[in-house]
Amino acid sequence: MVDFLFDDIFTIEKVDPDGKKFDKVSRIVAQSEKHGVSLILDVNTEIYPMHEKDKFLMVLSPTLNWGGAPVAGKQGQVEQKSLADKFDYIMHGLLYKMSTEKGKSEYSKEGVKVEVYASFGGLQMMLKGDPTNCTKFKIDQNMFLLIRKLI
């Protein structure tokens, strides 16, 4: 079984809070239900429209293979079931930065928040929350972002 880097259900609070910058991409601001994590994510809304108040499941995984094995190249690959079969929107990217922010916080008793930054082919993601929810992340880590809307 795959050991996810992060998973939670999010509710979109805002779409393009600073105005629409690109025709095919929107920046969403969302809040998680389980971990109290905030999310800023660029989404190609031409192929996967997202709106305020939408709820979605987001998973960050090191692989698409159910068994947890790394994703191999296309040569010699056998058709097999994948995490991608259960999700509607998938991106592959790289975690490029982690930072710590101190101060009063609703997320942590110590008032410390961790910010995790990843890029998915230029589409950016920032997760911000309690350090205990970010223990599996490492800089220069490849990951898959998988999203499925909830009804």
Protein backbone atom coordinates (compact mmCIF):
# COMPACT_ATOMS: atom_id res chain seq x y z
CA MET A 1 0.00 0.00 0.00
CA VAL A 2 1.16 3.52 -0.79
CA ASP A 3 2.32 5.69 2.11
CA PHE A 4 0.95 9.13 1.19
CA LEU A 5 2.99 12.23 1.93
CA PHE A 6 -0.22 14.13 2.72
CA ASP A 7 -3.96 13.73 2.24
CA ASP A 8 -6.96 15.79 3.32
CA ILE A 9 -10.33 17.14 2.21
CA PHE A 10 -10.32 20.82 1.27
CA THR A 11 -13.02 23.44 0.74
CA ILE A 12 -12.27 26.24 -1.72
CA GLU A 13 -12.61 29.65 -0.09
CA LYS A 14 -11.50 31.84 -3.01
CA VAL A 15 -10.68 31.53 -6.70
CA ASP A 16 -8.20 34.03 -8.17
CA PRO A 17 -8.10 36.27 -5.04
CA ASP A 18 -5.66 38.68 -6.75
CA GLY A 19 -7.57 38.71 -10.04
CA LYS A 20 -7.35 36.45 -13.06
CA LYS A 21 -3.77 36.40 -14.39
CA PHE A 22 -3.95 33.64 -17.03
CA ASP A 23 -6.72 32.42 -19.35
CA LYS A 24 -6.41 28.71 -18.56
CA VAL A 25 -5.13 28.76 -14.97
CA SER A 26 -6.76 29.84 -11.71
CA ARG A 27 -5.22 30.15 -8.27
CA ILE A 28 -7.39 28.60 -5.56
CA VAL A 29 -7.23 29.25 -1.83
CA ALA A 30 -8.59 26.38 0.25
CA GLN A 31 -8.77 25.19 3.85
CA SER A 32 -8.46 21.56 4.96
CA GLU A 33 -10.92 19.78 7.25
CA LYS A 34 -8.70 17.27 9.10
CA HIS A 35 -5.40 19.03 9.65
CA GLY A 36 -6.31 22.75 9.57
CA VAL A 37 -3.88 23.32 6.71
CA SER A 38 -4.26 26.18 4.24
CA LEU A 39 -3.57 25.60 0.55
CA ILE A 40 -2.80 27.88 -2.37
CA LEU A 41 -2.77 25.96 -5.65
CA ASP A 42 -2.63 26.83 -9.35
CA VAL A 43 -5.03 24.65 -11.36
CA ASN A 44 -5.57 24.36 -15.11
CA THR A 45 -9.25 25.27 -14.92
CA GLU A 46 -9.73 24.90 -18.66
CA ILE A 47 -9.51 21.12 -18.24
CA TYR A 48 -10.59 20.91 -14.56
CA PRO A 49 -12.92 23.76 -13.51
CA MET A 50 -12.98 24.59 -9.79
CA HIS A 51 -15.28 27.02 -7.99
CA GLU A 52 -15.74 28.60 -4.56
CA LYS A 53 -17.27 26.23 -2.00
CA ASP A 54 -16.22 23.11 -4.00
CA LYS A 55 -14.94 20.30 -1.79
CA PHE A 56 -12.18 18.03 -3.00
CA LEU A 57 -9.85 15.31 -1.78
CA MET A 58 -6.18 16.08 -2.38
CA VAL A 59 -3.42 13.51 -2.03
CA LEU A 60 0.32 14.08 -2.35
CA SER A 61 2.03 10.78 -3.15
CA PRO A 62 5.58 9.76 -4.05
CA THR A 63 4.22 7.26 -6.61
CA LEU A 64 1.12 6.28 -8.57
CA ASN A 65 1.66 2.57 -7.92
CA TRP A 66 -0.70 1.02 -5.35
CA GLY A 67 2.11 -1.16 -4.02
CA GLY A 68 4.28 1.87 -3.30
CA ALA A 69 6.95 1.03 -5.88
CA PRO A 70 8.54 4.00 -7.68
CA VAL A 71 7.10 4.90 -11.06
CA ALA A 72 9.19 3.26 -13.81
CA GLY A 73 9.80 4.45 -17.34
CA LYS A 74 7.42 3.41 -20.10
CA GLN A 75 9.67 0.61 -21.36
CA GLY A 76 8.71 -2.78 -20.02
CA GLN A 77 5.71 -1.39 -18.18
CA VAL A 78 2.76 -3.72 -17.80
CA GLU A 79 -0.77 -2.35 -17.69
CA GLN A 80 -1.64 -2.22 -14.00
CA LYS A 81 -4.01 -0.44 -11.65
CA SER A 82 -2.84 2.94 -10.49
CA LEU A 83 -3.81 5.67 -8.03
CA ALA A 84 -4.58 7.74 -11.12
CA ASP A 85 -7.62 5.51 -11.74
CA LYS A 86 -9.30 6.96 -8.63
CA PHE A 87 -8.66 10.67 -9.30
CA ASP A 88 -9.71 13.25 -11.90
CA TYR A 89 -6.79 15.71 -11.93
CA ILE A 90 -3.15 14.65 -11.57
CA MET A 91 0.10 16.61 -11.73
CA HIS A 92 3.73 15.59 -11.23
CA GLY A 93 6.11 18.01 -9.60
CA LEU A 94 8.97 18.81 -7.28
CA LEU A 95 9.08 20.14 -3.73
CA TYR A 96 11.57 23.00 -3.96
CA LYS A 97 11.29 24.91 -0.68
CA MET A 98 10.26 24.54 2.95
CA SER A 99 10.21 27.36 5.48
CA THR A 100 9.16 27.91 9.07
CA GLU A 101 7.11 30.83 10.28
CA LYS A 102 6.91 31.72 13.97
CA GLY A 103 4.13 33.62 15.67
CA LYS A 104 0.69 33.07 17.11
CA SER A 105 -1.14 30.40 15.21
CA GLU A 106 -4.42 28.56 15.38
CA TYR A 107 -2.60 25.52 13.92
CA SER A 108 0.04 24.97 16.57
CA LYS A 109 0.43 25.46 20.32
CA GLU A 110 3.98 26.72 19.80
CA GLY A 111 2.84 29.21 17.18
CA VAL A 112 5.05 27.67 14.48
CA LYS A 113 3.80 27.00 10.95
CA VAL A 114 5.59 25.21 8.14
CA GLU A 115 5.21 26.30 4.53
CA VAL A 116 5.80 23.68 1.84
CA TYR A 117 6.30 24.87 -1.75
CA ALA A 118 6.11 22.66 -4.85
CA SER A 119 6.05 23.33 -8.58
CA PHE A 120 4.10 21.21 -11.05
CA GLY A 121 5.42 22.26 -14.44
CA GLY A 122 5.16 25.91 -13.39
CA LEU A 123 1.85 25.56 -11.56
CA GLN A 124 2.60 26.37 -7.92
CA MET A 125 1.40 24.90 -4.64
CA MET A 126 1.88 26.18 -1.10
CA LEU A 127 0.71 24.21 1.94
CA LYS A 128 0.83 25.98 5.30
CA GLY A 129 0.17 24.34 8.63
CA ASP A 130 1.41 22.56 11.72
CA PRO A 131 4.88 20.96 11.43
CA THR A 132 3.50 17.58 12.57
CA ASN A 133 1.56 17.34 9.26
CA CYS A 134 4.69 17.97 7.18
CA THR A 135 7.15 15.37 8.51
CA LYS A 136 7.25 13.30 5.30
CA PHE A 137 8.35 16.18 3.05
CA LYS A 138 11.93 16.74 1.85
CA ILE A 139 13.40 19.36 -0.46
CA ASP A 140 13.98 18.10 -4.04
CA GLN A 141 11.36 15.39 -3.52
CA ASN A 142 9.32 14.34 -6.55
CA MET A 143 5.61 13.89 -5.96
CA PHE A 144 2.25 13.45 -7.59
CA LEU A 145 -0.66 15.71 -6.70
CA LEU A 146 -4.01 13.97 -7.15
CA ILE A 147 -7.44 15.65 -6.85
CA ARG A 148 -10.99 14.31 -6.87
CA LYS A 149 -14.03 16.52 -6.29
CA LEU A 150 -16.49 15.41 -3.63
CA ILE A 151 -20.22 15.79 -4.06
